[in-house]
Amino acid sequence: MRDAILLAFVAFCLLATLRYPFVGLIAWAWFTLMTPHQAAYGVFGVPLNLVIASVALAAYVISGEVAKFRFDLLTSLITIFAGWLVLSQLFSLDPEHSAGYFDRFIKTLIFVVLCAQMASSKLRFNMLVWMLVLGIGFFAAKGGLFTFMTFGEHRVQGLAQTVLEDNNHFGIAVASILPLILYLRGEAARPWLKHGLLALFCLSIVAIIGTHSRGAFIALGAFGGVLWFFSKRKLAILAGLALLLIPTVAFMPAKWTERMSTIGEATQDESFMGRVDAWVINYKLAKENPLTGAGLRNSYEEQIAFAVDPRRAQSAKAAHSIYFEILGGAGFVGLAIYLSIFVVAWLSAWSVYRQRNHPELAPWKANFAHYAQMSIVVFAVGGASTSMEMWTGYLMVIALIAALMKVTPEDMTEPGFAIHAIRSRNWRRKKRLAAMVGAERA
C-alpha cells in the first residue's frame, strides 16, 4: 500500500513537472532530504530520486526556463568547485573508491545550482525554505519527543542509511536549521502556524541535546551565541534560552552530563585523538598532492594512509571535519575554493542585511539574510567535527543566498503551480460573488 501511494504521488509530481519544472525541484529536494522511499518496501532501492532529477532537468531545459540561467558569484564558485572535483577524481589515488563519493557530491552540487537559479520568486524561495525546514524538522520533532519519552536515556539518531544517520551529523543538521525556523515564524501570518513553528523550534533543541553529541552541543552553543550577538533584545534571548535549556539539561541522565563535561578534556579523549590522527593523515595527503588531493575520502583506505603516515595508518577513517575531508580529497586549491563559498555566502547575506532599512528592499529578504548568516556560522562550527561536506541542507542555504537578490515578483507570463491554483480559486470565488450580486439585483 505504501509503495502504491508513493508511486502514485511520484507519478503526479512527474506529470506536474512537465508543465511546472519547479515542482520537480521540490520533489527532488523532498527525496534528497527525507528519502521517503525508505519508508516503503517494494520501491526501496529503486532510483526514484534519479528519475525525478532527470525529469526535472529535462523540463527545466524544454520549458525554456534554462534561458534565464545567470552566473552570479556564488553559482560561479560552486561550478568551479564542481570542476575541481572532476580534476580531483581524474588524478585520484584510488579512482574506484572515490568514484561513489564524487558521483554523490556532483549530483548534490547540480541540485543546489538549480535551486539558486529556479528560486526566482518569493513563493518558490519560501517553498524551498519550507522543504528544508520540514525535511529535517520532521525527524527533529520525532527526536525531541523520543528524548522526552525515554528520559534521555537513549540517544537520538537520524534516518537510517542516509548521511544524517549518525547522531553527530543529525544534531548538527538540526542546529543548522534553527535559524530558518525563526525566519519562517517571522514570515508566518497565522497564529497557529507561529505556535507550531515555535513548538518545532523547542523540540529541535531538545532533539539536539538528545543526540548526546558533543559536536552538536557545541553547534547549539554557536547558535545561541550568534542569536544573542545579533539580537537587540539580548536579555529576552538569554531568558528564553535559559528557560528552555536549563530544565532540558536537568532532565537528561547523568551519563549525558558526564559526556558533555569531557568537551574541555579533548586531548585526553581517545575518540578525539583518533580524529586528530585522521586530520594529520589528510593534511599529509594534501601536502603530497597539493593541487588535486588524493581523491574524495581516499584517506579512508589504509594502504593510502600508510604511504604518508605508517604510525597513524590504523586510524584511517572519516576525518570528522568538512575542512579536512576537502583538504585530503581535493587538495589545498580545492579547500580554498570550498572556503571561499562559505565566505562569499556570508558576506553576500551580510550585504543584504545591511540594506534592511532601504525602502526598495523587501523586509523578508533582510530577515532571511539575517538568519541565513546564523545558519552558515552554526554549520561552519559544527562541520569542523563531522564529515558532512556532502550534506545537501547547508548547500541549499548557500544557494538561497545566491538566489536572494535575483528574486523578482511573480512572473505573470508563466505562473507557478501553486500560484495558478490560488488564482483559479480566487477567480471561481469572484465568479460566484458576481452571480450572487446579479441574482440579488434581479
Protein backbone atom coordinates (compact mmCIF):
# COMPACT_ATOMS: atom_id res chain seq x y z
CA MET A 1 0.00 0.00 0.00
CA ARG A 2 2.82 2.40 0.88
CA ASP A 3 4.50 1.61 -2.43
CA ALA A 4 1.32 2.32 -4.39
CA ILE A 5 0.71 5.65 -2.63
CA LEU A 6 4.31 6.73 -3.07
CA LEU A 7 4.46 5.73 -6.73
CA ALA A 8 1.14 7.45 -7.44
CA PHE A 9 2.38 10.64 -5.82
CA VAL A 10 5.69 10.47 -7.70
CA ALA A 11 3.79 9.96 -10.96
CA PHE A 12 1.67 13.02 -10.17
CA CYS A 13 4.81 15.06 -9.43
CA LEU A 14 6.43 13.96 -12.68
CA LEU A 15 3.36 14.94 -14.71
CA ALA A 16 3.21 18.30 -12.95
CA THR A 17 6.94 18.78 -13.56
CA LEU A 18 6.40 18.62 -17.32
CA ARG A 19 4.29 21.78 -17.01
CA TYR A 20 5.93 23.35 -13.96
CA PRO A 21 9.62 22.39 -13.68
CA PHE A 22 9.85 23.81 -10.16
CA VAL A 23 7.57 21.03 -8.91
CA GLY A 24 10.29 18.59 -9.94
CA LEU A 25 12.86 20.57 -7.97
CA ILE A 26 10.68 20.44 -4.85
CA ALA A 27 10.17 16.69 -5.29
CA TRP A 28 13.92 16.29 -5.79
CA ALA A 29 14.53 18.21 -2.55
CA TRP A 30 11.97 16.05 -0.73
CA PHE A 31 13.63 12.80 -1.80
CA THR A 32 17.10 14.16 -1.06
CA LEU A 33 16.28 15.42 2.43
CA MET A 34 13.78 12.83 3.64
CA THR A 35 14.29 9.75 1.39
CA PRO A 36 10.58 8.79 1.64
CA HIS A 37 11.16 5.64 -0.45
CA GLN A 38 12.90 4.11 2.59
CA ALA A 39 9.53 4.02 4.34
CA ALA A 40 8.23 1.77 1.57
CA TYR A 41 9.29 -1.77 0.72
CA GLY A 42 8.87 -2.73 -2.89
CA VAL A 43 10.31 0.52 -4.23
CA PHE A 44 13.23 0.68 -1.77
CA GLY A 45 16.35 0.51 -3.91
CA VAL A 46 14.54 1.82 -6.99
CA PRO A 47 16.33 5.02 -8.13
CA LEU A 48 13.25 7.23 -7.85
CA ASN A 49 15.40 10.22 -6.96
CA LEU A 50 17.35 9.79 -10.20
CA VAL A 51 14.11 9.58 -12.19
CA ILE A 52 12.76 12.76 -10.54
CA ALA A 53 16.06 14.59 -11.06
CA SER A 54 16.22 13.58 -14.72
CA VAL A 55 12.65 14.70 -15.44
CA ALA A 56 13.20 17.97 -13.53
CA LEU A 57 16.36 18.74 -15.54
CA ALA A 58 14.67 17.85 -18.81
CA ALA A 59 11.63 20.01 -18.00
CA TYR A 60 13.93 22.87 -16.97
CA VAL A 61 15.57 22.77 -20.41
CA ILE A 62 12.48 22.04 -22.53
CA SER A 63 10.36 24.72 -20.85
CA GLY A 64 12.91 27.36 -21.82
CA GLU A 65 13.48 28.36 -18.21
CA VAL A 66 17.12 27.45 -18.72
CA ALA A 67 17.42 30.65 -20.80
CA LYS A 68 17.09 32.61 -17.54
CA PHE A 69 20.24 30.96 -16.14
CA ARG A 70 22.64 33.61 -14.86
CA PHE A 71 26.06 33.16 -13.29
CA ASP A 72 26.36 35.08 -10.04
CA LEU A 73 29.46 34.91 -7.85
CA LEU A 74 28.21 32.06 -5.64
CA THR A 75 26.92 30.00 -8.57
CA SER A 76 30.26 30.52 -10.31
CA LEU A 77 32.21 29.38 -7.23
CA ILE A 78 30.05 26.28 -6.82
CA THR A 79 30.55 25.47 -10.53
CA ILE A 80 34.32 26.00 -10.24
CA PHE A 81 34.39 23.76 -7.17
CA ALA A 82 32.50 21.05 -9.08
CA GLY A 83 35.05 21.35 -11.89
CA TRP A 84 37.87 20.99 -9.39
CA LEU A 85 36.28 17.83 -8.01
CA VAL A 86 36.34 16.46 -11.56
CA LEU A 87 40.11 17.09 -11.69
CA SER A 88 40.49 15.53 -8.26
CA GLN A 89 38.71 12.40 -9.46
CA LEU A 90 40.83 12.24 -12.62
CA PHE A 91 44.02 12.27 -10.50
CA SER A 92 42.57 10.20 -7.66
CA LEU A 93 44.96 7.78 -5.95
CA ASP A 94 42.13 5.21 -5.92
CA PRO A 95 39.55 6.20 -8.56
CA GLU A 96 37.32 3.21 -7.90
CA HIS A 97 36.98 4.04 -4.20
CA SER A 98 36.45 7.79 -4.64
CA ALA A 99 34.08 7.44 -7.61
CA GLY A 100 30.97 6.86 -5.47
CA TYR A 101 31.64 9.91 -3.29
CA PHE A 102 32.46 12.01 -6.34
CA ASP A 103 29.20 10.99 -8.02
CA ARG A 104 27.15 11.88 -4.94
CA PHE A 105 28.84 15.24 -4.43
CA ILE A 106 28.48 16.28 -8.08
CA LYS A 107 24.77 15.42 -8.08
CA THR A 108 24.33 17.49 -4.92
CA LEU A 109 26.11 20.46 -6.50
CA ILE A 110 23.95 20.24 -9.64
CA PHE A 111 20.86 20.30 -7.42
CA VAL A 112 21.97 23.37 -5.44
CA VAL A 113 22.90 25.27 -8.62
CA LEU A 114 19.35 24.64 -9.86
CA CYS A 115 18.00 25.87 -6.51
CA ALA A 116 19.99 29.09 -6.91
CA GLN A 117 18.59 29.60 -10.42
CA MET A 118 14.98 28.44 -10.05
CA ALA A 119 14.12 30.17 -6.75
CA SER A 120 13.13 33.19 -8.82
CA SER A 121 10.09 34.35 -6.84
CA LYS A 122 9.22 34.72 -3.17
CA LEU A 123 6.83 31.79 -3.41
CA ARG A 124 9.44 29.47 -4.89
CA PHE A 125 12.06 30.76 -2.49
CA ASN A 126 9.96 30.13 0.60
CA MET A 127 8.84 26.74 -0.69
CA LEU A 128 12.47 25.63 -0.71
CA VAL A 129 12.99 27.01 2.79
CA TRP A 130 9.87 25.18 3.98
CA MET A 131 11.06 21.96 2.36
CA LEU A 132 14.43 22.21 4.11
CA VAL A 133 12.89 23.03 7.49
CA LEU A 134 10.19 20.36 7.30
CA GLY A 135 12.53 17.79 5.78
CA ILE A 136 14.84 17.98 8.79
CA GLY A 137 12.28 19.30 11.28
CA PHE A 138 10.05 16.23 10.93
CA PHE A 139 12.81 14.00 12.27
CA ALA A 140 13.83 16.65 14.80
CA ALA A 141 10.30 16.74 16.24
CA LYS A 142 10.31 12.94 16.47
CA GLY A 143 13.72 13.08 18.14
CA GLY A 144 12.56 15.64 20.70
CA LEU A 145 9.51 13.55 21.62
CA PHE A 146 11.68 10.43 21.75
CA THR A 147 14.02 12.18 24.21
CA PHE A 148 11.10 13.02 26.49
CA MET A 149 9.62 9.52 26.25
CA THR A 150 12.90 7.78 27.10
CA PHE A 151 14.00 10.38 29.67
CA GLY A 152 17.10 10.98 27.57
CA GLU A 153 18.50 7.50 28.22
CA HIS A 154 18.83 6.64 24.53
CA ARG A 155 20.44 8.95 22.03
CA VAL A 156 18.57 10.32 19.04
CA GLN A 157 19.72 9.07 15.64
CA GLY A 158 18.93 10.33 12.17
CA LEU A 159 17.26 8.41 9.37
CA ALA A 160 18.98 5.10 8.67
CA GLN A 161 21.13 4.71 5.53
CA THR A 162 21.42 8.45 4.97
CA VAL A 163 24.17 11.00 5.56
CA LEU A 164 22.30 12.05 8.72
CA GLU A 165 22.07 8.59 10.28
CA ASP A 166 24.95 9.38 12.64
CA ASN A 167 23.82 11.16 15.80
CA ASN A 168 26.55 13.80 15.41
CA HIS A 169 25.54 14.58 11.83
CA PHE A 170 21.87 14.69 12.69
CA GLY A 171 22.36 17.01 15.68
CA ILE A 172 24.41 19.49 13.65
CA ALA A 173 21.91 19.43 10.78
CA VAL A 174 19.10 20.26 13.19
CA ALA A 175 21.16 23.05 14.78
CA SER A 176 21.75 24.49 11.29
CA ILE A 177 18.02 24.84 10.55
CA LEU A 178 17.13 26.51 13.87
CA PRO A 179 17.66 30.00 12.36
CA LEU A 180 15.46 29.09 9.38
CA ILE A 181 12.65 28.04 11.71
CA LEU A 182 12.82 31.51 13.24
CA TYR A 183 12.75 33.06 9.76
CA LEU A 184 9.60 31.15 8.79
CA ARG A 185 7.99 32.00 12.12
CA GLY A 186 8.62 35.67 11.43
CA GLU A 187 7.03 35.32 8.00
CA ALA A 188 4.02 33.31 9.21
CA ALA A 189 0.77 35.29 9.19
CA ARG A 190 -1.45 32.88 11.11
CA PRO A 191 -1.11 32.47 14.90
CA TRP A 192 -1.47 28.68 14.78
CA LEU A 193 1.43 28.48 12.34
CA LYS A 194 3.61 30.69 14.52
CA HIS A 195 2.83 28.48 17.54
CA GLY A 196 3.55 25.34 15.53
CA LEU A 197 6.94 26.65 14.42
CA LEU A 198 7.76 27.67 17.98
CA ALA A 199 6.93 24.13 19.13
CA LEU A 200 9.16 22.74 16.35
CA PHE A 201 11.95 25.10 17.43
CA CYS A 202 11.74 23.89 21.06
CA LEU A 203 11.52 20.20 20.11
CA SER A 204 14.50 20.64 17.78
CA ILE A 205 16.65 21.96 20.63
CA VAL A 206 15.57 19.01 22.79
CA ALA A 207 16.44 16.64 19.91
CA ILE A 208 19.93 18.18 19.63
CA ILE A 209 20.53 17.59 23.31
CA GLY A 210 19.05 14.11 22.95
CA THR A 211 21.65 13.11 20.35
CA HIS A 212 24.29 13.00 23.14
CA SER A 213 26.60 14.57 20.56
CA ARG A 214 29.29 16.91 21.84
CA GLY A 215 29.75 18.42 18.38
CA ALA A 216 26.01 19.10 18.11
CA PHE A 217 26.01 20.63 21.59
CA ILE A 218 28.84 22.98 20.54
CA ALA A 219 26.88 23.87 17.38
CA LEU A 220 23.85 24.62 19.57
CA GLY A 221 26.07 26.86 21.68
CA ALA A 222 27.23 28.61 18.50
CA PHE A 223 23.61 29.21 17.52
CA GLY A 224 22.81 30.67 20.93
CA GLY A 225 25.89 32.87 20.70
CA VAL A 226 25.16 34.34 17.26
CA LEU A 227 21.46 34.73 18.06
CA TRP A 228 22.36 36.70 21.19
CA PHE A 229 25.05 38.72 19.39
CA PHE A 230 22.81 39.85 16.54
CA SER A 231 19.70 40.42 18.65
CA LYS A 232 18.68 43.80 20.03
CA ARG A 233 16.78 42.04 22.82
CA LYS A 234 19.71 40.31 24.44
CA LEU A 235 18.11 39.85 27.87
CA ALA A 236 15.00 38.32 26.31
CA ILE A 237 17.14 35.90 24.27
CA LEU A 238 19.12 34.85 27.34
CA ALA A 239 15.95 34.38 29.36
CA GLY A 240 14.26 32.34 26.63
CA LEU A 241 17.21 30.04 26.02
CA ALA A 242 17.76 29.58 29.75
CA LEU A 243 14.07 28.79 30.25
CA LEU A 244 14.32 26.04 27.64
CA LEU A 245 17.84 24.70 28.17
CA ILE A 246 18.11 24.54 31.96
CA PRO A 247 15.08 22.24 32.50
CA THR A 248 16.05 20.10 29.49
CA VAL A 249 19.65 19.64 30.65
CA ALA A 250 18.43 18.90 34.18
CA PHE A 251 16.08 16.31 32.68
CA MET A 252 18.93 14.42 30.98
CA PRO A 253 20.59 11.44 32.72
CA ALA A 254 23.96 11.58 34.46
CA LYS A 255 25.74 9.85 31.56
CA TRP A 256 24.80 12.77 29.30
CA THR A 257 26.27 15.29 31.75
CA GLU A 258 29.44 13.22 32.08
CA ARG A 259 29.83 13.04 28.32
CA MET A 260 29.35 16.79 27.82
CA SER A 261 31.84 17.52 30.61
CA THR A 262 34.59 15.88 28.54
CA ILE A 263 34.41 18.66 25.91
CA GLY A 264 37.09 20.57 27.81
CA GLU A 265 39.28 17.46 28.09
CA ALA A 266 39.58 16.72 24.38
CA THR A 267 43.29 15.89 24.46
CA GLN A 268 42.58 13.10 26.91
CA ASP A 269 39.73 11.64 24.89
CA GLU A 270 40.63 8.63 22.74
CA SER A 271 37.90 9.37 20.21
CA PHE A 272 39.10 12.94 19.73
CA MET A 273 42.73 11.91 19.38
CA GLY A 274 41.67 9.41 16.72
CA ARG A 275 40.18 12.32 14.82
CA VAL A 276 43.44 14.23 15.16
CA ASP A 277 45.23 11.26 13.58
CA ALA A 278 42.77 11.38 10.67
CA TRP A 279 43.32 15.14 10.30
CA VAL A 280 47.08 14.63 10.16
CA ILE A 281 46.70 11.92 7.50
CA ASN A 282 44.53 14.20 5.36
CA TYR A 283 46.96 17.08 5.76
CA LYS A 284 49.87 14.89 4.68
CA LEU A 285 47.91 13.58 1.70
CA ALA A 286 47.25 17.18 0.65
CA LYS A 287 50.89 18.02 1.17
CA GLU A 288 51.86 15.14 -1.14
CA ASN A 289 49.16 16.13 -3.66
CA PRO A 290 48.70 19.89 -3.10
CA LEU A 291 46.68 20.69 -6.22
CA THR A 292 44.08 17.96 -6.58
CA GLY A 293 44.42 15.99 -3.35
CA ALA A 294 44.16 12.23 -3.05
CA GLY A 295 40.57 11.92 -4.25
CA LEU A 296 37.42 12.21 -2.15
CA ARG A 297 37.67 10.15 1.05
CA ASN A 298 40.62 8.11 -0.14
CA SER A 299 42.17 8.78 3.26
CA TYR A 300 39.80 6.05 4.50
CA GLU A 301 41.92 3.50 2.62
CA GLU A 302 44.55 2.08 4.96
CA GLN A 303 47.17 1.49 2.25
CA ILE A 304 46.90 5.12 1.11
CA ALA A 305 47.12 6.40 4.67
CA PHE A 306 50.08 4.07 5.34
CA ALA A 307 52.03 5.63 2.47
CA VAL A 308 52.04 9.05 4.16
CA ASP A 309 51.96 8.11 7.86
CA PRO A 310 52.61 4.47 8.83
CA ARG A 311 52.12 5.17 12.54
CA ARG A 312 48.64 6.62 12.10
CA ALA A 313 47.57 4.37 9.22
CA GLN A 314 45.45 2.21 11.50
CA SER A 315 43.43 5.34 12.26
CA ALA A 316 42.48 5.65 8.60
CA LYS A 317 38.79 6.56 8.81
CA ALA A 318 36.45 9.51 8.46
CA ALA A 319 38.22 12.81 9.04
CA HIS A 320 35.25 14.06 11.08
CA SER A 321 35.76 17.51 9.62
CA ILE A 322 34.34 19.04 6.46
CA TYR A 323 37.56 21.02 6.10
CA PHE A 324 39.99 18.11 6.37
CA GLU A 325 37.76 15.91 4.19
CA ILE A 326 38.02 18.51 1.40
CA LEU A 327 41.71 19.16 2.11
CA GLY A 328 42.67 15.50 1.80
CA GLY A 329 40.29 14.83 -1.08
CA ALA A 330 40.71 17.94 -3.24
CA GLY A 331 43.98 19.48 -2.05
CA PHE A 332 44.79 23.00 -0.90
CA VAL A 333 43.28 24.55 -4.01
CA GLY A 334 40.03 22.64 -3.55
CA LEU A 335 39.87 23.70 0.11
CA ALA A 336 40.49 27.34 -0.84
CA ILE A 337 37.58 27.26 -3.31
CA TYR A 338 35.38 25.48 -0.76
CA LEU A 339 36.12 28.03 1.98
CA SER A 340 35.55 30.90 -0.43
CA ILE A 341 31.98 29.63 -0.97
CA PHE A 342 31.32 29.99 2.78
CA VAL A 343 32.95 33.41 2.98
CA VAL A 344 31.19 34.82 -0.09
CA ALA A 345 27.83 33.40 1.06
CA TRP A 346 28.18 35.01 4.48
CA LEU A 347 29.32 38.35 3.07
CA SER A 348 26.52 38.31 0.48
CA ALA A 349 23.94 37.73 3.22
CA TRP A 350 25.54 40.46 5.30
CA SER A 351 25.39 42.95 2.42
CA VAL A 352 21.66 42.26 2.04
CA TYR A 353 21.03 42.56 5.76
CA ARG A 354 22.89 45.89 5.91
CA GLN A 355 20.34 47.30 3.46
CA ARG A 356 17.42 46.33 5.71
CA ASN A 357 16.29 49.98 6.05
CA HIS A 358 16.48 50.64 2.33
CA PRO A 359 12.95 51.42 1.03
CA GLU A 360 13.40 49.31 -2.11
CA LEU A 361 14.46 46.15 -0.25
CA ALA A 362 11.65 43.83 0.77
CA PRO A 363 11.79 43.23 4.56
CA TRP A 364 11.58 39.45 4.14
CA LYS A 365 14.85 39.47 2.18
CA ALA A 366 16.69 41.21 5.01
CA ASN A 367 15.14 38.79 7.51
CA PHE A 368 16.24 35.75 5.55
CA ALA A 369 19.75 37.15 5.09
CA HIS A 370 19.93 37.72 8.85
CA TYR A 371 19.02 34.14 9.72
CA ALA A 372 21.00 32.63 6.83
CA GLN A 373 24.14 34.22 8.29
CA MET A 374 23.44 32.41 11.54
CA SER A 375 22.85 29.10 9.76
CA ILE A 376 26.18 29.34 7.94
CA VAL A 377 28.07 30.10 11.17
CA VAL A 378 26.38 27.23 13.02
CA PHE A 379 27.19 24.74 10.27
CA ALA A 380 30.75 26.03 9.87
CA VAL A 381 31.31 25.42 13.61
CA GLY A 382 29.54 22.06 13.72
CA GLY A 383 31.07 20.88 10.46
CA ALA A 384 34.55 21.17 11.97
CA SER A 385 33.83 17.91 13.82
CA THR A 386 31.80 15.96 11.24
CA SER A 387 32.11 14.62 7.69
CA MET A 388 29.09 16.48 6.31
CA GLU A 389 30.65 18.22 3.33
CA MET A 390 28.20 16.40 1.02
CA TRP A 391 25.06 17.21 3.05
CA THR A 392 22.52 18.96 0.85
CA GLY A 393 20.99 21.12 3.58
CA TYR A 394 23.73 23.66 4.16
CA LEU A 395 24.36 23.96 0.43
CA MET A 396 20.67 24.78 -0.04
CA VAL A 397 21.10 27.71 2.37
CA ILE A 398 24.04 28.95 0.29
CA ALA A 399 22.02 28.51 -2.91
CA LEU A 400 19.14 30.50 -1.42
CA ILE A 401 21.53 33.32 -0.54
CA ALA A 402 22.65 33.31 -4.18
CA ALA A 403 19.01 33.49 -5.29
CA LEU A 404 18.02 36.16 -2.78
CA MET A 405 18.92 39.25 -4.80
CA LYS A 406 17.53 37.74 -8.02
CA VAL A 407 14.06 37.11 -6.60
CA THR A 408 11.50 39.17 -8.51
CA PRO A 409 7.70 39.50 -8.32
CA GLU A 410 5.77 36.55 -9.72
CA ASP A 411 6.20 36.10 -13.45
CA MET A 412 2.74 36.78 -14.89
CA THR A 413 3.56 35.02 -18.13
CA GLU A 414 4.25 31.66 -16.54
CA PRO A 415 2.67 31.36 -13.09
CA GLY A 416 3.95 28.68 -10.79
CA PHE A 417 1.89 25.63 -9.97
CA ALA A 418 0.67 26.95 -6.59
CA ILE A 419 0.08 30.45 -7.93
CA HIS A 420 -2.04 29.02 -10.73
CA ALA A 421 -4.15 27.09 -8.24
CA ILE A 422 -4.60 30.14 -5.99
CA ARG A 423 -5.59 32.37 -8.91
CA SER A 424 -8.03 29.76 -10.19
CA ARG A 425 -9.64 29.54 -6.76
CA ASN A 426 -9.86 33.35 -6.49
CA TRP A 427 -11.38 33.53 -9.98
CA ARG A 428 -14.08 30.99 -9.00
CA ARG A 429 -14.85 32.98 -5.84
CA LYS A 430 -15.22 36.18 -7.84
CA LYS A 431 -17.50 34.41 -10.34
CA ARG A 432 -19.73 33.06 -7.54
CA LEU A 433 -19.84 36.52 -5.94
CA ALA A 434 -20.80 38.15 -9.24
CA ALA A 435 -23.55 35.56 -9.71
CA MET A 436 -24.92 36.27 -6.23
CA VAL A 437 -24.91 40.04 -6.83
CA GLY A 438 -26.65 39.53 -10.16
CA ALA A 439 -29.31 37.35 -8.53
CA GLU A 440 -29.99 39.95 -5.82
CA ARG A 441 -30.37 42.71 -8.40
CA ALA A 442 -32.76 40.59 -10.41
